Amino acid sequence: MEVNIIVRLLLYLAHTWNEHIEATKQNRYGSKKLNLPRPELYLIFIGDRKNRPEWINLSDEFFEGNHEFLEVKVRVLYGEQGKKDIISQYVDFTKVYHEQVKQHGRTREAVLETIRVCKNQDVLREYLAEREKELISIMMALFDQQRAVEQFGYDKKEEGKIEGKIEGKMETKKETALTLSEMGMPVDSIAKVVKEGVDTVQQWLSGMVAAKP
């Protein structure tokens, strides 16, 4: 089932707790019990399937139902087509997006068509009206990253090309970071988009801003 998704959620949970411990300056190595926020794990499922479980359990996926030592439960949200709650609209948006990518590939046209169709169907209309330019830039940046990853994989036997693609991918990340920064996106959000550390992104932005005429 969605085993890899559970693993990702656990890694994200550990990362979030670690950030909370550092932000609240707690001593993780002391004898005092740590104050941690209560976790709630959710998975938004955007596909079509007959079996729609409300929960995914770590014990069922990994340990044949044995939950004596460790158990994690993830609630699955499916949304309902045509409904106007935010989850349902997000699911509808994602389905339209995947259909447009099938027709047009990972292109600007696919992004623009996704936005056009969703506006016409009153899916996330208010958000798209307010953040359309920002959404286009972010989705195109993600396309560029995915394309770089795919090309890197295809050429992994050619050492020289690998190095060039790594450098090109990093330059793409830097340019994406600068674009998002100029659009007013905070540094921590940019770091999540380009999948780099906050300190790294801050160094990029400082260097690129200083280098601009």
C-alpha atoms as a PDB file:
ATOM      1  CA  MET A   1       0.000   0.000   0.000  1.00  0.00           C
ATOM      2  CA  GLU A   2       1.257   3.596   0.670  1.00  0.00           C
ATOM      3  CA  VAL A   3       4.334   2.406   2.584  1.00  0.00           C
ATOM      4  CA  ASN A   4       6.688   5.033   1.170  1.00  0.00           C
ATOM      5  CA  ILE A   5       4.229   7.776   2.125  1.00  0.00           C
ATOM      6  CA  ILE A   6       4.188   6.607   5.754  1.00  0.00           C
ATOM      7  CA  VAL A   7       7.984   6.679   5.804  1.00  0.00           C
ATOM      8  CA  ARG A   8       7.987  10.230   4.446  1.00  0.00           C
ATOM      9  CA  LEU A   9       5.445  11.331   7.025  1.00  0.00           C
ATOM     10  CA  LEU A  10       7.537   9.836   9.841  1.00  0.00           C
ATOM     11  CA  LEU A  11      10.648  11.616   8.576  1.00  0.00           C
ATOM     12  CA  TYR A  12       8.724  14.876   8.308  1.00  0.00           C
ATOM     13  CA  LEU A  13       7.336  14.398  11.825  1.00  0.00           C
ATOM     14  CA  ALA A  14      10.840  13.834  13.219  1.00  0.00           C
ATOM     15  CA  HIS A  15      12.075  16.944  11.394  1.00  0.00           C
ATOM     16  CA  THR A  16       9.172  19.038  12.712  1.00  0.00           C
ATOM     17  CA  TRP A  17       9.719  17.895  16.296  1.00  0.00           C
ATOM     18  CA  ASN A  18      13.434  18.601  16.003  1.00  0.00           C
ATOM     19  CA  GLU A  19      12.730  22.149  14.808  1.00  0.00           C
ATOM     20  CA  HIS A  20      10.286  22.632  17.699  1.00  0.00           C
ATOM     21  CA  ILE A  21      12.854  21.430  20.253  1.00  0.00           C
ATOM     22  CA  GLU A  22      15.463  23.831  18.867  1.00  0.00           C
ATOM     23  CA  ALA A  23      13.021  26.750  18.626  1.00  0.00           C
ATOM     24  CA  THR A  24      11.898  26.280  22.242  1.00  0.00           C
ATOM     25  CA  LYS A  25      15.504  25.689  23.407  1.00  0.00           C
ATOM     26  CA  GLN A  26      14.720  22.429  25.183  1.00  0.00           C
ATOM     27  CA  ASN A  27      17.478  20.071  26.285  1.00  0.00           C
ATOM     28  CA  ARG A  28      16.920  16.840  24.389  1.00  0.00           C
ATOM     29  CA  TYR A  29      19.652  15.100  26.386  1.00  0.00           C
ATOM     30  CA  GLY A  30      18.418  16.036  29.861  1.00  0.00           C
ATOM     31  CA  SER A  31      16.188  14.053  32.215  1.00  0.00           C
ATOM     32  CA  LYS A  32      13.263  16.475  31.949  1.00  0.00           C
ATOM     33  CA  LYS A  33      10.442  15.336  29.701  1.00  0.00           C
ATOM     34  CA  LEU A  34      10.341  17.237  26.421  1.00  0.00           C
ATOM     35  CA  ASN A  35       7.304  19.335  25.606  1.00  0.00           C
ATOM     36  CA  LEU A  36       6.245  18.240  22.109  1.00  0.00           C
ATOM     37  CA  PRO A  37       3.175  19.247  20.100  1.00  0.00           C
ATOM     38  CA  ARG A  38       0.661  16.436  19.571  1.00  0.00           C
ATOM     39  CA  PRO A  39       1.103  14.991  16.072  1.00  0.00           C
ATOM     40  CA  GLU A  40      -1.759  14.597  13.632  1.00  0.00           C
ATOM     41  CA  LEU A  41      -0.802  12.921  10.349  1.00  0.00           C
ATOM     42  CA  TYR A  42      -2.979  13.270   7.265  1.00  0.00           C
ATOM     43  CA  LEU A  43      -2.691  11.968   3.721  1.00  0.00           C
ATOM     44  CA  ILE A  44      -4.677  13.573   0.910  1.00  0.00           C
ATOM     45  CA  PHE A  45      -5.421  10.841  -1.636  1.00  0.00           C
ATOM     46  CA  ILE A  46      -6.098  12.155  -5.152  1.00  0.00           C
ATOM     47  CA  GLY A  47      -6.495   8.905  -7.094  1.00  0.00           C
ATOM     48  CA  ASP A  48      -9.482   6.662  -7.707  1.00  0.00           C
ATOM     49  CA  ARG A  49      -9.837   3.429  -5.765  1.00  0.00           C
ATOM     50  CA  LYS A  50     -12.642   1.196  -4.547  1.00  0.00           C
ATOM     51  CA  ASN A  51     -11.049   0.493  -1.171  1.00  0.00           C
ATOM     52  CA  ARG A  52     -10.932   3.799   0.711  1.00  0.00           C
ATOM     53  CA  PRO A  53      -9.647   3.164   4.244  1.00  0.00           C
ATOM     54  CA  GLU A  54     -10.078   5.989   6.728  1.00  0.00           C
ATOM     55  CA  TRP A  55      -6.760   5.178   8.403  1.00  0.00           C
ATOM     56  CA  ILE A  56      -3.377   3.750   7.405  1.00  0.00           C
ATOM     57  CA  ASN A  57      -1.568   2.037  10.286  1.00  0.00           C
ATOM     58  CA  LEU A  58       2.179   1.596  10.563  1.00  0.00           C
ATOM     59  CA  SER A  59       1.707  -1.815  12.198  1.00  0.00           C
ATOM     60  CA  ASP A  60      -0.420  -3.102   9.311  1.00  0.00           C
ATOM     61  CA  GLU A  61       1.947  -1.857   6.627  1.00  0.00           C
ATOM     62  CA  PHE A  62       5.231  -3.006   8.181  1.00  0.00           C
ATOM     63  CA  PHE A  63       4.686  -5.393  11.080  1.00  0.00           C
ATOM     64  CA  GLU A  64       1.760  -7.634  10.102  1.00  0.00           C
ATOM     65  CA  GLY A  65      -0.588  -5.951  12.548  1.00  0.00           C
ATOM     66  CA  ASN A  66       1.745  -6.204  15.558  1.00  0.00           C
ATOM     67  CA  HIS A  67       1.554  -2.879  17.407  1.00  0.00           C
ATOM     68  CA  GLU A  68       3.122  -3.844  20.716  1.00  0.00           C
ATOM     69  CA  PHE A  69       6.075  -1.463  20.454  1.00  0.00           C
ATOM     70  CA  LEU A  70       5.341   1.276  17.922  1.00  0.00           C
ATOM     71  CA  GLU A  71       2.176   2.449  16.224  1.00  0.00           C
ATOM     72  CA  VAL A  72       1.468   5.405  13.963  1.00  0.00           C
ATOM     73  CA  LYS A  73      -1.914   6.128  12.426  1.00  0.00           C
ATOM     74  CA  VAL A  74      -2.366   8.327   9.365  1.00  0.00           C
ATOM     75  CA  ARG A  75      -5.827   9.610   8.507  1.00  0.00           C
ATOM     76  CA  VAL A  76      -6.651   9.513   4.795  1.00  0.00           C
ATOM     77  CA  LEU A  77      -8.615  12.409   3.281  1.00  0.00           C
ATOM     78  CA  TYR A  78     -10.210  11.848  -0.112  1.00  0.00           C
ATOM     79  CA  GLY A  79     -12.412  14.857  -0.770  1.00  0.00           C
ATOM     80  CA  GLU A  80     -15.667  14.674  -2.701  1.00  0.00           C
ATOM     81  CA  GLN A  81     -15.906  15.755  -6.316  1.00  0.00           C
ATOM     82  CA  GLY A  82     -17.842  18.981  -6.767  1.00  0.00           C
ATOM     83  CA  LYS A  83     -17.838  19.936  -3.089  1.00  0.00           C
ATOM     84  CA  LYS A  84     -16.431  23.304  -2.050  1.00  0.00           C
ATOM     85  CA  ASP A  85     -14.438  22.432   1.061  1.00  0.00           C
ATOM     86  CA  ILE A  86     -10.703  23.106   0.675  1.00  0.00           C
ATOM     87  CA  ILE A  87      -9.683  19.423   0.603  1.00  0.00           C
ATOM     88  CA  SER A  88     -12.145  18.543  -2.138  1.00  0.00           C
ATOM     89  CA  GLN A  89     -11.110  21.556  -4.203  1.00  0.00           C
ATOM     90  CA  TYR A  90      -7.439  20.664  -3.813  1.00  0.00           C
ATOM     91  CA  VAL A  91      -8.154  17.110  -4.999  1.00  0.00           C
ATOM     92  CA  ASP A  92     -10.095  18.463  -7.985  1.00  0.00           C
ATOM     93  CA  PHE A  93      -7.263  20.890  -8.818  1.00  0.00           C
ATOM     94  CA  THR A  94      -4.675  18.112  -8.702  1.00  0.00           C
ATOM     95  CA  LYS A  95      -6.741  15.855 -10.976  1.00  0.00           C
ATOM     96  CA  VAL A  96      -7.088  18.641 -13.525  1.00  0.00           C
ATOM     97  CA  TYR A  97      -3.358  19.301 -13.275  1.00  0.00           C
ATOM     98  CA  HIS A  98      -2.421  15.661 -13.921  1.00  0.00           C
ATOM     99  CA  GLU A  99      -4.763  15.539 -16.926  1.00  0.00           C
ATOM    100  CA  GLN A 100      -3.195  18.669 -18.417  1.00  0.00           C
ATOM    101  CA  VAL A 101       0.332  17.323 -17.875  1.00  0.00           C
ATOM    102  CA  LYS A 102      -0.682  14.170 -19.777  1.00  0.00           C
ATOM    103  CA  GLN A 103      -1.793  16.345 -22.699  1.00  0.00           C
ATOM    104  CA  HIS A 104       0.879  19.046 -22.717  1.00  0.00           C
ATOM    105  CA  GLY A 105       3.767  17.622 -20.705  1.00  0.00           C
ATOM    106  CA  ARG A 106       5.508  19.595 -17.961  1.00  0.00           C
ATOM    107  CA  THR A 107       5.079  22.915 -19.742  1.00  0.00           C
ATOM    108  CA  ARG A 108       3.789  26.403 -19.068  1.00  0.00           C
ATOM    109  CA  GLU A 109       0.795  25.543 -21.231  1.00  0.00           C
ATOM    110  CA  ALA A 110      -0.156  22.720 -18.852  1.00  0.00           C
ATOM    111  CA  VAL A 111      -0.002  25.126 -15.895  1.00  0.00           C
ATOM    112  CA  LEU A 112      -2.046  27.808 -17.649  1.00  0.00           C
ATOM    113  CA  GLU A 113      -4.667  25.295 -18.785  1.00  0.00           C
ATOM    114  CA  THR A 114      -4.931  23.885 -15.266  1.00  0.00           C
ATOM    115  CA  ILE A 115      -5.607  27.345 -13.899  1.00  0.00           C
ATOM    116  CA  ARG A 116      -8.078  28.185 -16.687  1.00  0.00           C
ATOM    117  CA  VAL A 117     -10.071  24.958 -16.273  1.00  0.00           C
ATOM    118  CA  CYS A 118     -10.185  25.281 -12.487  1.00  0.00           C
ATOM    119  CA  LYS A 119     -11.352  28.882 -12.658  1.00  0.00           C
ATOM    120  CA  ASN A 120     -14.117  27.875 -15.064  1.00  0.00           C
ATOM    121  CA  GLN A 121     -15.142  25.033 -12.742  1.00  0.00           C
ATOM    122  CA  ASP A 122     -15.001  27.311  -9.668  1.00  0.00           C
ATOM    123  CA  VAL A 123     -12.192  25.255  -8.129  1.00  0.00           C
ATOM    124  CA  LEU A 124      -9.941  27.342  -5.856  1.00  0.00           C
ATOM    125  CA  ARG A 125     -11.130  30.357  -7.852  1.00  0.00           C
ATOM    126  CA  GLU A 126     -10.384  32.966  -5.178  1.00  0.00           C
ATOM    127  CA  TYR A 127      -6.890  31.627  -4.490  1.00  0.00           C
ATOM    128  CA  LEU A 128      -6.046  31.365  -8.198  1.00  0.00           C
ATOM    129  CA  ALA A 129      -7.273  34.909  -8.843  1.00  0.00           C
ATOM    130  CA  GLU A 130      -5.040  36.314  -6.103  1.00  0.00           C
ATOM    131  CA  ARG A 131      -1.930  34.139  -6.531  1.00  0.00           C
ATOM    132  CA  GLU A 132      -1.916  33.126 -10.203  1.00  0.00           C
ATOM    133  CA  LYS A 133       1.484  34.612 -11.121  1.00  0.00           C
ATOM    134  CA  GLU A 134       3.113  33.192  -8.007  1.00  0.00           C
ATOM    135  CA  LEU A 135       1.605  29.744  -8.643  1.00  0.00           C
ATOM    136  CA  ILE A 136       2.833  29.731 -12.251  1.00  0.00           C
ATOM    137  CA  SER A 137       6.375  30.605 -11.174  1.00  0.00           C
ATOM    138  CA  ILE A 138       6.444  27.946  -8.456  1.00  0.00           C
ATOM    139  CA  MET A 139       5.039  25.182 -10.670  1.00  0.00           C
ATOM    140  CA  MET A 140       7.459  26.009 -13.489  1.00  0.00           C
ATOM    141  CA  ALA A 141      10.324  25.924 -10.993  1.00  0.00           C
ATOM    142  CA  LEU A 142       9.213  22.486  -9.840  1.00  0.00           C
ATOM    143  CA  PHE A 143       9.013  21.343 -13.482  1.00  0.00           C
ATOM    144  CA  ASP A 144      12.592  22.520 -14.034  1.00  0.00           C
ATOM    145  CA  GLN A 145      13.791  20.637 -10.965  1.00  0.00           C
ATOM    146  CA  GLN A 146      12.021  17.448 -12.011  1.00  0.00           C
ATOM    147  CA  ARG A 147      13.432  17.695 -15.522  1.00  0.00           C
ATOM    148  CA  ALA A 148      16.951  18.130 -14.140  1.00  0.00           C
ATOM    149  CA  VAL A 149      16.537  15.077 -11.901  1.00  0.00           C
ATOM    150  CA  GLU A 150      15.313  12.964 -14.818  1.00  0.00           C
ATOM    151  CA  GLN A 151      18.180  14.046 -17.065  1.00  0.00           C
ATOM    152  CA  PHE A 152      20.652  13.404 -14.263  1.00  0.00           C
ATOM    153  CA  GLY A 153      19.349   9.856 -13.947  1.00  0.00           C
ATOM    154  CA  TYR A 154      19.557   9.160 -17.669  1.00  0.00           C
ATOM    155  CA  ASP A 155      23.185  10.317 -17.900  1.00  0.00           C
ATOM    156  CA  LYS A 156      24.515   8.872 -14.663  1.00  0.00           C
ATOM    157  CA  LYS A 157      27.153   6.747 -16.456  1.00  0.00           C
ATOM    158  CA  GLU A 158      28.807   9.776 -18.022  1.00  0.00           C
ATOM    159  CA  GLU A 159      30.786  11.434 -15.277  1.00  0.00           C
ATOM    160  CA  GLY A 160      31.414  14.709 -17.074  1.00  0.00           C
ATOM    161  CA  LYS A 161      27.753  15.187 -17.897  1.00  0.00           C
ATOM    162  CA  ILE A 162      26.771  14.347 -14.343  1.00  0.00           C
ATOM    163  CA  GLU A 163      28.919  17.134 -12.961  1.00  0.00           C
ATOM    164  CA  GLY A 164      27.521  19.584 -15.488  1.00  0.00           C
ATOM    165  CA  LYS A 165      23.962  18.644 -14.661  1.00  0.00           C
ATOM    166  CA  ILE A 166      24.573  18.964 -10.930  1.00  0.00           C
ATOM    167  CA  GLU A 167      25.915  22.458 -11.474  1.00  0.00           C
ATOM    168  CA  GLY A 168      23.010  23.290 -13.764  1.00  0.00           C
ATOM    169  CA  LYS A 169      20.509  21.994 -11.249  1.00  0.00           C
ATOM    170  CA  MET A 170      22.068  24.104  -8.509  1.00  0.00           C
ATOM    171  CA  GLU A 171      21.964  27.203 -10.714  1.00  0.00           C
ATOM    172  CA  THR A 172      18.300  26.522 -11.409  1.00  0.00           C
ATOM    173  CA  LYS A 173      17.656  26.325  -7.676  1.00  0.00           C
ATOM    174  CA  LYS A 174      19.479  29.614  -7.108  1.00  0.00           C
ATOM    175  CA  GLU A 175      17.537  31.386  -9.854  1.00  0.00           C
ATOM    176  CA  THR A 176      14.290  29.958  -8.510  1.00  0.00           C
ATOM    177  CA  ALA A 177      15.160  31.156  -5.009  1.00  0.00           C
ATOM    178  CA  LEU A 178      15.872  34.678  -6.263  1.00  0.00           C
ATOM    179  CA  THR A 179      12.627  34.797  -8.266  1.00  0.00           C
ATOM    180  CA  LEU A 180      10.548  33.660  -5.303  1.00  0.00           C
ATOM    181  CA  SER A 181      12.341  36.127  -3.023  1.00  0.00           C
ATOM    182  CA  GLU A 182      11.564  39.007  -5.395  1.00  0.00           C
ATOM    183  CA  MET A 183       7.919  37.880  -5.310  1.00  0.00           C
ATOM    184  CA  GLY A 184       7.940  38.369  -1.537  1.00  0.00           C
ATOM    185  CA  MET A 185       8.074  34.718  -0.423  1.00  0.00           C
ATOM    186  CA  PRO A 186       9.791  34.261   2.982  1.00  0.00           C
ATOM    187  CA  VAL A 187      13.143  32.490   3.093  1.00  0.00           C
ATOM    188  CA  ASP A 188      11.902  29.446   5.029  1.00  0.00           C
ATOM    189  CA  SER A 189       9.201  28.814   2.396  1.00  0.00           C
ATOM    190  CA  ILE A 190      11.737  29.228  -0.425  1.00  0.00           C
ATOM    191  CA  ALA A 191      13.999  26.680   1.276  1.00  0.00           C
ATOM    192  CA  LYS A 192      11.178  24.134   1.249  1.00  0.00           C
ATOM    193  CA  VAL A 193      10.459  24.734  -2.462  1.00  0.00           C
ATOM    194  CA  VAL A 194      14.087  24.311  -3.582  1.00  0.00           C
ATOM    195  CA  LYS A 195      14.763  21.614  -0.945  1.00  0.00           C
ATOM    196  CA  GLU A 196      17.787  23.299   0.590  1.00  0.00           C
ATOM    197  CA  GLY A 197      18.604  24.593   4.062  1.00  0.00           C
ATOM    198  CA  VAL A 198      17.489  28.063   5.153  1.00  0.00           C
ATOM    199  CA  ASP A 199      21.109  29.147   5.734  1.00  0.00           C
ATOM    200  CA  THR A 200      22.079  28.015   2.228  1.00  0.00           C
ATOM    201  CA  VAL A 201      19.222  29.938   0.634  1.00  0.00           C
ATOM    202  CA  GLN A 202      20.083  33.067   2.643  1.00  0.00           C
ATOM    203  CA  GLN A 203      23.685  32.857   1.386  1.00  0.00           C
ATOM    204  CA  TRP A 204      22.482  32.501  -2.201  1.00  0.00           C
ATOM    205  CA  LEU A 205      20.173  35.483  -1.936  1.00  0.00           C
ATOM    206  CA  SER A 206      22.804  37.673  -0.260  1.00  0.00           C
ATOM    207  CA  GLY A 207      25.359  36.823  -2.942  1.00  0.00           C
ATOM    208  CA  MET A 208      22.988  37.261  -5.867  1.00  0.00           C
ATOM    209  CA  VAL A 209      21.559  40.551  -4.581  1.00  0.00           C
ATOM    210  CA  ALA A 210      25.075  41.903  -3.994  1.00  0.00           C
ATOM    211  CA  ALA A 211      26.114  40.852  -7.518  1.00  0.00           C
ATOM    212  CA  LYS A 212      23.178  42.609  -9.213  1.00  0.00           C
ATOM    213  CA  PRO A 213      24.106  45.932 -10.878  1.00  0.00           C
END
